Amino acid sequence: MLILVYCKDKPGGLPLRRATRAEHLEYMIAARDRVVFGGPLLSEEGEPVGSVFALNAASRAEAEAFLAAEPYCVAGLFEEVRVHPMRQMVPEEPAGVLDRELARERAAAAGAPGEPAPR
């Protein structure tokens, strides 16, 4: 299951983020086979204000255990953490998923019987 994690830093969190960054990077490097993509959320000025990443996990509980040990979380950097299951479509995984989704949408719009397209 693919889990999207959105984390918003506490106000004034930049010094804590910087102090914890090496540990965070070590943790993410150790998990690089499970992290599909990720990176910092940036302010208009280009400063980090949060983090977002997609994690392959067997369950939501596994994703939450991953977060419980994540250095930024352990340090108390985040004001808000949101965890959502998601379905990857871009880049296509598996290949051809967008074409199949489009065909379903067009069939549904034309009133053809068939399986409704997932949202």
PDB file of N, CA and C in Angstrom:
ATOM      1  N   MET A   1       0.857  -1.168   0.000  1.00  0.00           N
ATOM      2  CA  MET A   1       0.000   0.000   0.000  1.00  0.00           C
ATOM      3  C   MET A   1       0.898   1.223   0.000  1.00  0.00           C
ATOM      4  N   LEU A   2       0.503   2.194  -0.774  1.00  0.00           N
ATOM      5  CA  LEU A   2       1.251   3.442  -0.841  1.00  0.00           C
ATOM      6  C   LEU A   2       0.603   4.448   0.105  1.00  0.00           C
ATOM      7  N   ILE A   3       1.409   5.051   0.957  1.00  0.00           N
ATOM      8  CA  ILE A   3       0.934   6.000   1.962  1.00  0.00           C
ATOM      9  C   ILE A   3       1.605   7.351   1.715  1.00  0.00           C
ATOM     10  N   LEU A   4       0.787   8.401   1.588  1.00  0.00           N
ATOM     11  CA  LEU A   4       1.307   9.752   1.461  1.00  0.00           C
ATOM     12  C   LEU A   4       1.360  10.371   2.854  1.00  0.00           C
ATOM     13  N   VAL A   5       2.505  10.947   3.182  1.00  0.00           N
ATOM     14  CA  VAL A   5       2.694  11.584   4.486  1.00  0.00           C
ATOM     15  C   VAL A   5       2.993  13.062   4.250  1.00  0.00           C
ATOM     16  N   TYR A   6       2.177  13.923   4.877  1.00  0.00           N
ATOM     17  CA  TYR A   6       2.320  15.381   4.778  1.00  0.00           C
ATOM     18  C   TYR A   6       2.611  15.894   6.178  1.00  0.00           C
ATOM     19  N   CYS A   7       3.711  16.592   6.334  1.00  0.00           N
ATOM     20  CA  CYS A   7       4.113  17.108   7.645  1.00  0.00           C
ATOM     21  C   CYS A   7       4.371  18.603   7.550  1.00  0.00           C
ATOM     22  N   LYS A   8       3.756  19.360   8.434  1.00  0.00           N
ATOM     23  CA  LYS A   8       3.948  20.811   8.487  1.00  0.00           C
ATOM     24  C   LYS A   8       4.767  21.134   9.731  1.00  0.00           C
ATOM     25  N   ASP A   9       5.855  21.886   9.551  1.00  0.00           N
ATOM     26  CA  ASP A   9       6.708  22.260  10.683  1.00  0.00           C
ATOM     27  C   ASP A   9       5.986  23.200  11.634  1.00  0.00           C
ATOM     28  N   LYS A  10       6.385  23.149  12.903  1.00  0.00           N
ATOM     29  CA  LYS A  10       5.918  24.128  13.883  1.00  0.00           C
ATOM     30  C   LYS A  10       6.516  25.485  13.516  1.00  0.00           C
ATOM     31  N   PRO A  11       5.826  26.570  13.832  1.00  0.00           N
ATOM     32  CA  PRO A  11       6.421  27.895  13.593  1.00  0.00           C
ATOM     33  C   PRO A  11       7.775  27.995  14.296  1.00  0.00           C
ATOM     34  N   GLY A  12       8.735  28.577  13.615  1.00  0.00           N
ATOM     35  CA  GLY A  12      10.064  28.734  14.194  1.00  0.00           C
ATOM     36  C   GLY A  12      10.861  27.439  14.260  1.00  0.00           C
ATOM     37  N   GLY A  13      10.461  26.435  13.490  1.00  0.00           N
ATOM     38  CA  GLY A  13      11.091  25.126  13.556  1.00  0.00           C
ATOM     39  C   GLY A  13      12.385  24.963  12.771  1.00  0.00           C
ATOM     40  N   LEU A  14      12.777  25.968  12.006  1.00  0.00           N
ATOM     41  CA  LEU A  14      13.948  25.820  11.139  1.00  0.00           C
ATOM     42  C   LEU A  14      15.228  25.446  11.901  1.00  0.00           C
ATOM     43  N   PRO A  15      15.533  26.053  13.064  1.00  0.00           N
ATOM     44  CA  PRO A  15      16.743  25.628  13.792  1.00  0.00           C
ATOM     45  C   PRO A  15      16.690  24.146  14.203  1.00  0.00           C
ATOM     46  N   LEU A  16      15.535  23.667  14.642  1.00  0.00           N
ATOM     47  CA  LEU A  16      15.394  22.258  15.011  1.00  0.00           C
ATOM     48  C   LEU A  16      15.536  21.365  13.782  1.00  0.00           C
ATOM     49  N   ARG A  17      14.963  21.783  12.672  1.00  0.00           N
ATOM     50  CA  ARG A  17      15.094  21.025  11.418  1.00  0.00           C
ATOM     51  C   ARG A  17      16.571  20.911  11.038  1.00  0.00           C
ATOM     52  N   ARG A  18      17.282  22.001  11.094  1.00  0.00           N
ATOM     53  CA  ARG A  18      18.698  21.979  10.719  1.00  0.00           C
ATOM     54  C   ARG A  18      19.509  21.099  11.665  1.00  0.00           C
ATOM     55  N   ALA A  19      19.210  21.163  12.960  1.00  0.00           N
ATOM     56  CA  ALA A  19      19.945  20.381  13.949  1.00  0.00           C
ATOM     57  C   ALA A  19      19.684  18.879  13.811  1.00  0.00           C
ATOM     58  N   THR A  20      18.546  18.509  13.248  1.00  0.00           N
ATOM     59  CA  THR A  20      18.131  17.113  13.145  1.00  0.00           C
ATOM     60  C   THR A  20      18.308  16.560  11.738  1.00  0.00           C
ATOM     61  N   ARG A  21      18.710  17.385  10.801  1.00  0.00           N
ATOM     62  CA  ARG A  21      18.711  16.999   9.389  1.00  0.00           C
ATOM     63  C   ARG A  21      19.594  15.792   9.088  1.00  0.00           C
ATOM     64  N   ALA A  22      20.791  15.714   9.651  1.00  0.00           N
ATOM     65  CA  ALA A  22      21.677  14.580   9.366  1.00  0.00           C
ATOM     66  C   ALA A  22      21.022  13.264   9.800  1.00  0.00           C
ATOM     67  N   GLU A  23      20.409  13.245  10.977  1.00  0.00           N
ATOM     68  CA  GLU A  23      19.714  12.031  11.444  1.00  0.00           C
ATOM     69  C   GLU A  23      18.553  11.685  10.522  1.00  0.00           C
ATOM     70  N   HIS A  24      17.811  12.705  10.104  1.00  0.00           N
ATOM     71  CA  HIS A  24      16.689  12.489   9.181  1.00  0.00           C
ATOM     72  C   HIS A  24      17.190  11.883   7.870  1.00  0.00           C
ATOM     73  N   LEU A  25      18.268  12.444   7.320  1.00  0.00           N
ATOM     74  CA  LEU A  25      18.809  11.929   6.062  1.00  0.00           C
ATOM     75  C   LEU A  25      19.285  10.490   6.219  1.00  0.00           C
ATOM     76  N   GLU A  26      19.950  10.173   7.319  1.00  0.00           N
ATOM     77  CA  GLU A  26      20.381   8.789   7.572  1.00  0.00           C
ATOM     78  C   GLU A  26      19.181   7.848   7.597  1.00  0.00           C
ATOM     79  N   TYR A  27      18.114   8.279   8.245  1.00  0.00           N
ATOM     80  CA  TYR A  27      16.893   7.455   8.350  1.00  0.00           C
ATOM     81  C   TYR A  27      16.278   7.215   6.970  1.00  0.00           C
ATOM     82  N   MET A  28      16.207   8.270   6.168  1.00  0.00           N
ATOM     83  CA  MET A  28      15.629   8.143   4.836  1.00  0.00           C
ATOM     84  C   MET A  28      16.520   7.322   3.911  1.00  0.00           C
ATOM     85  N   ILE A  29      17.822   7.444   4.040  1.00  0.00           N
ATOM     86  CA  ILE A  29      18.734   6.628   3.242  1.00  0.00           C
ATOM     87  C   ILE A  29      18.536   5.153   3.582  1.00  0.00           C
ATOM     88  N   ALA A  30      18.398   4.845   4.864  1.00  0.00           N
ATOM     89  CA  ALA A  30      18.174   3.455   5.276  1.00  0.00           C
ATOM     90  C   ALA A  30      16.842   2.921   4.755  1.00  0.00           C
ATOM     91  N   ALA A  31      15.886   3.821   4.491  1.00  0.00           N
ATOM     92  CA  ALA A  31      14.546   3.423   4.033  1.00  0.00           C
ATOM     93  C   ALA A  31      14.335   3.688   2.550  1.00  0.00           C
ATOM     94  N   ARG A  32      15.380   3.972   1.804  1.00  0.00           N
ATOM     95  CA  ARG A  32      15.201   4.387   0.407  1.00  0.00           C
ATOM     96  C   ARG A  32      14.499   3.346  -0.446  1.00  0.00           C
ATOM     97  N   ASP A  33      14.529   2.076  -0.056  1.00  0.00           N
ATOM     98  CA  ASP A  33      13.808   1.051  -0.817  1.00  0.00           C
ATOM     99  C   ASP A  33      12.307   1.100  -0.553  1.00  0.00           C
ATOM    100  N   ARG A  34      11.873   1.811   0.486  1.00  0.00           N
ATOM    101  CA  ARG A  34      10.456   1.936   0.836  1.00  0.00           C
ATOM    102  C   ARG A  34       9.867   3.299   0.505  1.00  0.00           C
ATOM    103  N   VAL A  35      10.723   4.305   0.329  1.00  0.00           N
ATOM    104  CA  VAL A  35      10.258   5.670   0.062  1.00  0.00           C
ATOM    105  C   VAL A  35      10.238   5.882  -1.455  1.00  0.00           C
ATOM    106  N   VAL A  36       9.036   6.093  -2.003  1.00  0.00           N
ATOM    107  CA  VAL A  36       8.859   6.244  -3.451  1.00  0.00           C
ATOM    108  C   VAL A  36       9.346   7.607  -3.917  1.00  0.00           C
ATOM    109  N   PHE A  37       8.990   8.650  -3.177  1.00  0.00           N
ATOM    110  CA  PHE A  37       9.482  10.003  -3.439  1.00  0.00           C
ATOM    111  C   PHE A  37       9.309  10.797  -2.164  1.00  0.00           C
ATOM    112  N   GLY A  38       9.979  11.922  -2.090  1.00  0.00           N
ATOM    113  CA  GLY A  38       9.821  12.772  -0.917  1.00  0.00           C
ATOM    114  C   GLY A  38      10.741  13.958  -0.974  1.00  0.00           C
ATOM    115  N   GLY A  39      10.516  14.877  -0.062  1.00  0.00           N
ATOM    116  CA  GLY A  39      11.357  16.055   0.034  1.00  0.00           C
ATOM    117  C   GLY A  39      10.703  17.115   0.893  1.00  0.00           C
ATOM    118  N   PRO A  40      11.415  18.221   1.082  1.00  0.00           N
ATOM    119  CA  PRO A  40      10.887  19.300   1.915  1.00  0.00           C
ATOM    120  C   PRO A  40       9.831  20.115   1.174  1.00  0.00           C
ATOM    121  N   LEU A  41       8.871  20.604   1.929  1.00  0.00           N
ATOM    122  CA  LEU A  41       7.939  21.623   1.439  1.00  0.00           C
ATOM    123  C   LEU A  41       8.633  22.957   1.670  1.00  0.00           C
ATOM    124  N   LEU A  42       8.521  23.872   0.717  1.00  0.00           N
ATOM    125  CA  LEU A  42       9.247  25.134   0.809  1.00  0.00           C
ATOM    126  C   LEU A  42       8.311  26.327   0.909  1.00  0.00           C
ATOM    127  N   SER A  43       8.752  27.340   1.632  1.00  0.00           N
ATOM    128  CA  SER A  43       8.047  28.617   1.673  1.00  0.00           C
ATOM    129  C   SER A  43       8.294  29.334   0.351  1.00  0.00           C
ATOM    130  N   GLU A  44       7.617  30.450   0.147  1.00  0.00           N
ATOM    131  CA  GLU A  44       7.845  31.266  -1.053  1.00  0.00           C
ATOM    132  C   GLU A  44       9.294  31.752  -1.124  1.00  0.00           C
ATOM    133  N   GLU A  45       9.941  31.865   0.025  1.00  0.00           N
ATOM    134  CA  GLU A  45      11.333  32.318   0.080  1.00  0.00           C
ATOM    135  C   GLU A  45      12.321  31.169  -0.110  1.00  0.00           C
ATOM    136  N   GLY A  46      11.825  29.939  -0.233  1.00  0.00           N
ATOM    137  CA  GLY A  46      12.687  28.785  -0.443  1.00  0.00           C
ATOM    138  C   GLY A  46      13.162  28.094   0.814  1.00  0.00           C
ATOM    139  N   GLU A  47      12.630  28.482   1.970  1.00  0.00           N
ATOM    140  CA  GLU A  47      13.009  27.842   3.234  1.00  0.00           C
ATOM    141  C   GLU A  47      12.100  26.643   3.509  1.00  0.00           C
ATOM    142  N   PRO A  48      12.636  25.558   4.083  1.00  0.00           N
ATOM    143  CA  PRO A  48      11.799  24.399   4.406  1.00  0.00           C
ATOM    144  C   PRO A  48      10.752  24.747   5.468  1.00  0.00           C
ATOM    145  N   VAL A  49       9.522  24.309   5.218  1.00  0.00           N
ATOM    146  CA  VAL A  49       8.417  24.536   6.164  1.00  0.00           C
ATOM    147  C   VAL A  49       7.662  23.247   6.463  1.00  0.00           C
ATOM    148  N   GLY A  50       8.171  22.144   5.955  1.00  0.00           N
ATOM    149  CA  GLY A  50       7.522  20.862   6.172  1.00  0.00           C
ATOM    150  C   GLY A  50       8.160  19.802   5.309  1.00  0.00           C
ATOM    151  N   SER A  51       7.539  18.642   5.287  1.00  0.00           N
ATOM    152  CA  SER A  51       8.031  17.518   4.498  1.00  0.00           C
ATOM    153  C   SER A  51       6.858  16.775   3.899  1.00  0.00           C
ATOM    154  N   VAL A  52       7.105  16.125   2.772  1.00  0.00           N
ATOM    155  CA  VAL A  52       6.111  15.249   2.168  1.00  0.00           C
ATOM    156  C   VAL A  52       6.852  14.059   1.583  1.00  0.00           C
ATOM    157  N   PHE A  53       6.261  12.874   1.729  1.00  0.00           N
ATOM    158  CA  PHE A  53       6.840  11.703   1.093  1.00  0.00           C
ATOM    159  C   PHE A  53       5.795  10.619   0.938  1.00  0.00           C
ATOM    160  N   ALA A  54       6.053   9.728  -0.008  1.00  0.00           N
ATOM    161  CA  ALA A  54       5.198   8.565  -0.235  1.00  0.00           C
ATOM    162  C   ALA A  54       5.990   7.337   0.197  1.00  0.00           C
ATOM    163  N   LEU A  55       5.361   6.510   1.007  1.00  0.00           N
ATOM    164  CA  LEU A  55       6.007   5.353   1.620  1.00  0.00           C
ATOM    165  C   LEU A  55       5.272   4.089   1.230  1.00  0.00           C
ATOM    166  N   ASN A  56       6.007   3.085   0.775  1.00  0.00           N
ATOM    167  CA  ASN A  56       5.418   1.766   0.579  1.00  0.00           C
ATOM    168  C   ASN A  56       5.376   1.085   1.939  1.00  0.00           C
ATOM    169  N   ALA A  57       4.180   0.720   2.375  1.00  0.00           N
ATOM    170  CA  ALA A  57       4.004   0.063   3.669  1.00  0.00           C
ATOM    171  C   ALA A  57       2.926  -1.005   3.538  1.00  0.00           C
ATOM    172  N   ALA A  58       3.011  -2.026   4.349  1.00  0.00           N
ATOM    173  CA  ALA A  58       2.018  -3.102   4.318  1.00  0.00           C
ATOM    174  C   ALA A  58       0.681  -2.641   4.886  1.00  0.00           C
ATOM    175  N   SER A  59       0.728  -1.617   5.755  1.00  0.00           N
ATOM    176  CA  SER A  59      -0.490  -1.143   6.405  1.00  0.00           C
ATOM    177  C   SER A  59      -0.277   0.273   6.914  1.00  0.00           C
ATOM    178  N   ARG A  60      -1.369   0.899   7.303  1.00  0.00           N
ATOM    179  CA  ARG A  60      -1.276   2.228   7.913  1.00  0.00           C
ATOM    180  C   ARG A  60      -0.488   2.150   9.214  1.00  0.00           C
ATOM    181  N   ALA A  61      -0.693   1.075   9.970  1.00  0.00           N
ATOM    182  CA  ALA A  61       0.030   0.899  11.234  1.00  0.00           C
ATOM    183  C   ALA A  61       1.543   0.849  10.993  1.00  0.00           C
ATOM    184  N   GLU A  62       1.954   0.181   9.915  1.00  0.00           N
ATOM    185  CA  GLU A  62       3.380   0.125   9.595  1.00  0.00           C
ATOM    186  C   GLU A  62       3.903   1.517   9.245  1.00  0.00           C
ATOM    187  N   ALA A  63       3.116   2.288   8.508  1.00  0.00           N
ATOM    188  CA  ALA A  63       3.519   3.659   8.166  1.00  0.00           C
ATOM    189  C   ALA A  63       3.625   4.510   9.432  1.00  0.00           C
ATOM    190  N   GLU A  64       2.695   4.353  10.344  1.00  0.00           N
ATOM    191  CA  GLU A  64       2.735   5.125  11.586  1.00  0.00           C
ATOM    192  C   GLU A  64       3.927   4.718  12.453  1.00  0.00           C
ATOM    193  N   ALA A  65       4.308   3.428  12.426  1.00  0.00           N
ATOM    194  CA  ALA A  65       5.504   2.989  13.152  1.00  0.00           C
ATOM    195  C   ALA A  65       6.756   3.614  12.526  1.00  0.00           C
ATOM    196  N   PHE A  66       6.782   3.689  11.196  1.00  0.00           N
ATOM    197  CA  PHE A  66       7.884   4.349  10.498  1.00  0.00           C
ATOM    198  C   PHE A  66       7.998   5.800  10.963  1.00  0.00           C
ATOM    199  N   LEU A  67       6.867   6.491  11.035  1.00  0.00           N
ATOM    200  CA  LEU A  67       6.862   7.892  11.473  1.00  0.00           C
ATOM    201  C   LEU A  67       7.283   8.038  12.930  1.00  0.00           C
ATOM    202  N   ALA A  68       6.876   7.104  13.764  1.00  0.00           N
ATOM    203  CA  ALA A  68       7.196   7.190  15.200  1.00  0.00           C
ATOM    204  C   ALA A  68       8.699   7.188  15.452  1.00  0.00           C
ATOM    205  N   ALA A  69       9.470   6.603  14.539  1.00  0.00           N
ATOM    206  CA  ALA A  69      10.920   6.549  14.693  1.00  0.00           C
ATOM    207  C   ALA A  69      11.641   7.571  13.817  1.00  0.00           C
ATOM    208  N   GLU A  70      10.910   8.305  12.970  1.00  0.00           N
ATOM    209  CA  GLU A  70      11.520   9.277  12.058  1.00  0.00           C
ATOM    210  C   GLU A  70      12.083  10.443  12.872  1.00  0.00           C
ATOM    211  N   PRO A  71      13.360  10.793  12.684  1.00  0.00           N
ATOM    212  CA  PRO A  71      14.010  11.794  13.540  1.00  0.00           C
ATOM    213  C   PRO A  71      13.306  13.133  13.667  1.00  0.00           C
ATOM    214  N   TYR A  72      12.747  13.674  12.589  1.00  0.00           N
ATOM    215  CA  TYR A  72      12.027  14.939  12.711  1.00  0.00           C
ATOM    216  C   TYR A  72      10.811  14.775  13.624  1.00  0.00           C
ATOM    217  N   CYS A  73      10.116  13.659  13.490  1.00  0.00           N
ATOM    218  CA  CYS A  73       8.953  13.408  14.358  1.00  0.00           C
ATOM    219  C   CYS A  73       9.388  13.235  15.810  1.00  0.00           C
ATOM    220  N   VAL A  74      10.442  12.457  16.009  1.00  0.00           N
ATOM    221  CA  VAL A  74      10.950  12.223  17.370  1.00  0.00           C
ATOM    222  C   VAL A  74      11.363  13.540  18.024  1.00  0.00           C
ATOM    223  N   ALA A  75      11.961  14.428  17.243  1.00  0.00           N
ATOM    224  CA  ALA A  75      12.430  15.722  17.770  1.00  0.00           C
ATOM    225  C   ALA A  75      11.287  16.695  18.046  1.00  0.00           C
ATOM    226  N   GLY A  76      10.069  16.387  17.547  1.00  0.00           N
ATOM    227  CA  GLY A  76       8.937  17.277  17.765  1.00  0.00           C
ATOM    228  C   GLY A  76       8.878  18.440  16.796  1.00  0.00           C
ATOM    229  N   LEU A  77       9.441  18.268  15.614  1.00  0.00           N
ATOM    230  CA  LEU A  77       9.479  19.353  14.626  1.00  0.00           C
ATOM    231  C   LEU A  77       8.104  19.695  14.068  1.00  0.00           C
ATOM    232  N   PHE A  78       7.232  18.713  13.950  1.00  0.00           N
ATOM    233  CA  PHE A  78       5.998  18.917  13.198  1.00  0.00           C
ATOM    234  C   PHE A  78       4.826  19.391  14.037  1.00  0.00           C
ATOM    235  N   GLU A  79       4.145  20.386  13.500  1.00  0.00           N
ATOM    236  CA  GLU A  79       2.905  20.900  14.074  1.00  0.00           C
ATOM    237  C   GLU A  79       1.730  20.017  13.644  1.00  0.00           C
ATOM    238  N   GLU A  80       1.829  19.480  12.437  1.00  0.00           N
ATOM    239  CA  GLU A  80       0.740  18.697  11.861  1.00  0.00           C
ATOM    240  C   GLU A  80       1.329  17.571  11.023  1.00  0.00           C
ATOM    241  N   VAL A  81       0.760  16.373  11.149  1.00  0.00           N
ATOM    242  CA  VAL A  81       1.142  15.228  10.328  1.00  0.00           C
ATOM    243  C   VAL A  81      -0.141  14.601   9.809  1.00  0.00           C
ATOM    244  N   ARG A  82      -0.225  14.454   8.491  1.00  0.00           N
ATOM    245  CA  ARG A  82      -1.374  13.794   7.857  1.00  0.00           C
ATOM    246  C   ARG A  82      -0.871  12.558   7.129  1.00  0.00           C
ATOM    247  N   VAL A  83      -1.611  11.473   7.279  1.00  0.00           N
ATOM    248  CA  VAL A  83      -1.249  10.202   6.663  1.00  0.00           C
ATOM    249  C   VAL A  83      -2.440   9.735   5.837  1.00  0.00           C
ATOM    250  N   HIS A  84      -2.217   9.515   4.526  1.00  0.00           N
ATOM    251  CA  HIS A  84      -3.299   9.126   3.626  1.00  0.00           C
ATOM    252  C   HIS A  84      -2.855   7.992   2.706  1.00  0.00           C
ATOM    253  N   PRO A  85      -3.656   6.939   2.595  1.00  0.00           N
ATOM    254  CA  PRO A  85      -3.383   5.968   1.535  1.00  0.00           C
ATOM    255  C   PRO A  85      -3.580   6.660   0.182  1.00  0.00           C
ATOM    256  N   MET A  86      -2.820   6.245  -0.796  1.00  0.00           N
ATOM    257  CA  MET A  86      -2.962   6.839  -2.120  1.00  0.00           C
ATOM    258  C   MET A  86      -2.720   5.776  -3.183  1.00  0.00           C
ATOM    259  N   ARG A  87      -3.049   6.116  -4.382  1.00  0.00           N
ATOM    260  CA  ARG A  87      -2.787   5.252  -5.526  1.00  0.00           C
ATOM    261  C   ARG A  87      -1.925   6.040  -6.498  1.00  0.00           C
ATOM    262  N   GLN A  88      -0.768   5.510  -6.819  1.00  0.00           N
ATOM    263  CA  GLN A  88       0.144   6.188  -7.744  1.00  0.00           C
ATOM    264  C   GLN A  88      -0.336   5.992  -9.168  1.00  0.00           C
ATOM    265  N   MET A  89      -0.390   7.091  -9.912  1.00  0.00           N
ATOM    266  CA  MET A  89      -0.735   7.034 -11.328  1.00  0.00           C
ATOM    267  C   MET A  89       0.321   7.717 -12.191  1.00  0.00           C
ATOM    268  N   VAL A  90       1.043   8.685 -11.644  1.00  0.00           N
ATOM    269  CA  VAL A  90       2.092   9.372 -12.385  1.00  0.00           C
ATOM    270  C   VAL A  90       3.306   9.479 -11.473  1.00  0.00           C
ATOM    271  N   PRO A  91       4.498   9.050 -11.878  1.00  0.00           N
ATOM    272  CA  PRO A  91       4.717   8.253 -13.067  1.00  0.00           C
ATOM    273  C   PRO A  91       3.904   6.961 -12.996  1.00  0.00           C
ATOM    274  N   GLU A  92       3.538   6.485 -14.165  1.00  0.00           N
ATOM    275  CA  GLU A  92       2.630   5.347 -14.239  1.00  0.00           C
ATOM    276  C   GLU A  92       3.195   4.115 -13.543  1.00  0.00           C
ATOM    277  N   GLU A  93       2.380   3.587 -12.658  1.00  0.00           N
ATOM    278  CA  GLU A  93       2.724   2.362 -11.938  1.00  0.00           C
ATOM    279  C   GLU A  93       1.443   1.612 -11.675  1.00  0.00           C
ATOM    280  N   PRO A  94       1.132   0.588 -12.392  1.00  0.00           N
ATOM    281  CA  PRO A  94       1.925  -0.027 -13.449  1.00  0.00           C
ATOM    282  C   PRO A  94       1.778   0.731 -14.767  1.00  0.00           C
ATOM    283  N   ALA A  95       2.648   0.402 -15.708  1.00  0.00           N
ATOM    284  CA  ALA A  95       2.607   1.045 -17.019  1.00  0.00           C
ATOM    285  C   ALA A  95       1.230   0.859 -17.650  1.00  0.00           C
ATOM    286  N   GLY A  96       0.719   1.922 -18.266  1.00  0.00           N
ATOM    287  CA  GLY A  96      -0.566   1.858 -18.955  1.00  0.00           C
ATOM    288  C   GLY A  96      -1.768   2.190 -18.092  1.00  0.00           C
ATOM    289  N   VAL A  97      -1.565   2.472 -16.814  1.00  0.00           N
ATOM    290  CA  VAL A  97      -2.697   2.733 -15.917  1.00  0.00           C
ATOM    291  C   VAL A  97      -3.482   3.972 -16.349  1.00  0.00           C
ATOM    292  N   LEU A  98      -2.823   4.999 -16.839  1.00  0.00           N
ATOM    293  CA  LEU A  98      -3.548   6.202 -17.261  1.00  0.00           C
ATOM    294  C   LEU A  98      -4.431   5.919 -18.467  1.00  0.00           C
ATOM    295  N   ASP A  99      -3.934   5.140 -19.425  1.00  0.00           N
ATOM    296  CA  ASP A  99      -4.748   4.783 -20.587  1.00  0.00           C
ATOM    297  C   ASP A  99      -5.989   3.986 -20.167  1.00  0.00           C
ATOM    298  N   ARG A 100      -5.818   3.055 -19.241  1.00  0.00           N
ATOM    299  CA  ARG A 100      -6.967   2.269 -18.760  1.00  0.00           C
ATOM    300  C   ARG A 100      -7.973   3.154 -18.026  1.00  0.00           C
ATOM    301  N   GLU A 101      -7.484   4.086 -17.213  1.00  0.00           N
ATOM    302  CA  GLU A 101      -8.378   4.997 -16.499  1.00  0.00           C
ATOM    303  C   GLU A 101      -9.153   5.872 -17.474  1.00  0.00           C
ATOM    304  N   LEU A 102      -8.476   6.374 -18.491  1.00  0.00           N
ATOM    305  CA  LEU A 102      -9.135   7.209 -19.489  1.00  0.00           C
ATOM    306  C   LEU A 102     -10.205   6.414 -20.235  1.00  0.00           C
ATOM    307  N   ALA A 103      -9.905   5.185 -20.607  1.00  0.00           N
ATOM    308  CA  ALA A 103     -10.886   4.346 -21.298  1.00  0.00           C
ATOM    309  C   ALA A 103     -12.115   4.124 -20.422  1.00  0.00           C
ATOM    310  N   ARG A 104     -11.908   3.879 -19.125  1.00  0.00           N
ATOM    311  CA  ARG A 104     -13.045   3.711 -18.195  1.00  0.00           C
ATOM    312  C   ARG A 104     -13.879   4.977 -18.113  1.00  0.00           C
ATOM    313  N   GLU A 105     -13.212   6.128 -18.011  1.00  0.00           N
ATOM    314  CA  GLU A 105     -13.922   7.405 -17.905  1.00  0.00           C
ATOM    315  C   GLU A 105     -14.746   7.664 -19.156  1.00  0.00           C
ATOM    316  N   ARG A 106     -14.151   7.415 -20.314  1.00  0.00           N
ATOM    317  CA  ARG A 106     -14.878   7.637 -21.567  1.00  0.00           C
ATOM    318  C   ARG A 106     -16.061   6.685 -21.697  1.00  0.00           C
ATOM    319  N   ALA A 107     -15.874   5.434 -21.286  1.00  0.00           N
ATOM    320  CA  ALA A 107     -16.969   4.461 -21.334  1.00  0.00           C
ATOM    321  C   ALA A 107     -18.082   4.872 -20.377  1.00  0.00           C
ATOM    322  N   ALA A 108     -17.721   5.335 -19.193  1.00  0.00           N
ATOM    323  CA  ALA A 108     -18.724   5.772 -18.213  1.00  0.00           C
ATOM    324  C   ALA A 108     -19.483   6.987 -18.735  1.00  0.00           C
ATOM    325  N   ALA A 109     -18.767   7.921 -19.362  1.00  0.00           N
ATOM    326  CA  ALA A 109     -19.413   9.123 -19.897  1.00  0.00           C
ATOM    327  C   ALA A 109     -20.359   8.785 -21.038  1.00  0.00           C
ATOM    328  N   ALA A 110     -20.039   7.725 -21.764  1.00  0.00           N
ATOM    329  CA  ALA A 110     -20.878   7.308 -22.895  1.00  0.00           C
ATOM    330  C   ALA A 110     -22.039   6.407 -22.441  1.00  0.00           C
ATOM    331  N   GLY A 111     -22.074   6.100 -21.142  1.00  0.00           N
ATOM    332  CA  GLY A 111     -23.133   5.268 -20.611  1.00  0.00           C
ATOM    333  C   GLY A 111     -22.923   3.789 -20.839  1.00  0.00           C
ATOM    334  N   ALA A 112     -21.711   3.399 -21.157  1.00  0.00           N
ATOM    335  CA  ALA A 112     -21.430   1.978 -21.378  1.00  0.00           C
ATOM    336  C   ALA A 112     -21.388   1.262 -20.040  1.00  0.00           C
ATOM    337  N   PRO A 113     -21.879   0.032 -20.004  1.00  0.00           N
ATOM    338  CA  PRO A 113     -21.806  -0.735 -18.768  1.00  0.00           C
ATOM    339  C   PRO A 113     -20.338  -1.099 -18.496  1.00  0.00           C
ATOM    340  N   GLY A 114     -20.046  -1.292 -17.264  1.00  0.00           N
ATOM    341  CA  GLY A 114     -18.687  -1.683 -16.894  1.00  0.00           C
ATOM    342  C   GLY A 114     -18.364  -1.204 -15.503  1.00  0.00           C
ATOM    343  N   GLU A 115     -17.180  -1.504 -15.118  1.00  0.00           N
ATOM    344  CA  GLU A 115     -16.712  -1.145 -13.794  1.00  0.00           C
ATOM    345  C   GLU A 115     -16.472   0.360 -13.708  1.00  0.00           C
ATOM    346  N   PRO A 116     -17.013   1.013 -12.669  1.00  0.00           N
ATOM    347  CA  PRO A 116     -16.770   2.459 -12.551  1.00  0.00           C
ATOM    348  C   PRO A 116     -15.293   2.721 -12.277  1.00  0.00           C
ATOM    349  N   ALA A 117     -14.817   3.824 -12.774  1.00  0.00           N
ATOM    350  CA  ALA A 117     -13.427   4.195 -12.576  1.00  0.00           C
ATOM    351  C   ALA A 117     -13.203   4.597 -11.130  1.00  0.00           C
ATOM    352  N   PRO A 118     -12.100   4.120 -10.504  1.00  0.00           N
ATOM    353  CA  PRO A 118     -11.779   4.572  -9.152  1.00  0.00           C
ATOM    354  C   PRO A 118     -11.429   6.038  -9.167  1.00  0.00           C
ATOM    355  N   ARG A 119     -11.688   6.718  -8.092  1.00  0.00           N
ATOM    356  CA  ARG A 119     -11.397   8.158  -7.973  1.00  0.00           C
ATOM    357  C   ARG A 119     -10.122   8.381  -7.240  1.00  0.00           C
TER     358      ARG A 119
END
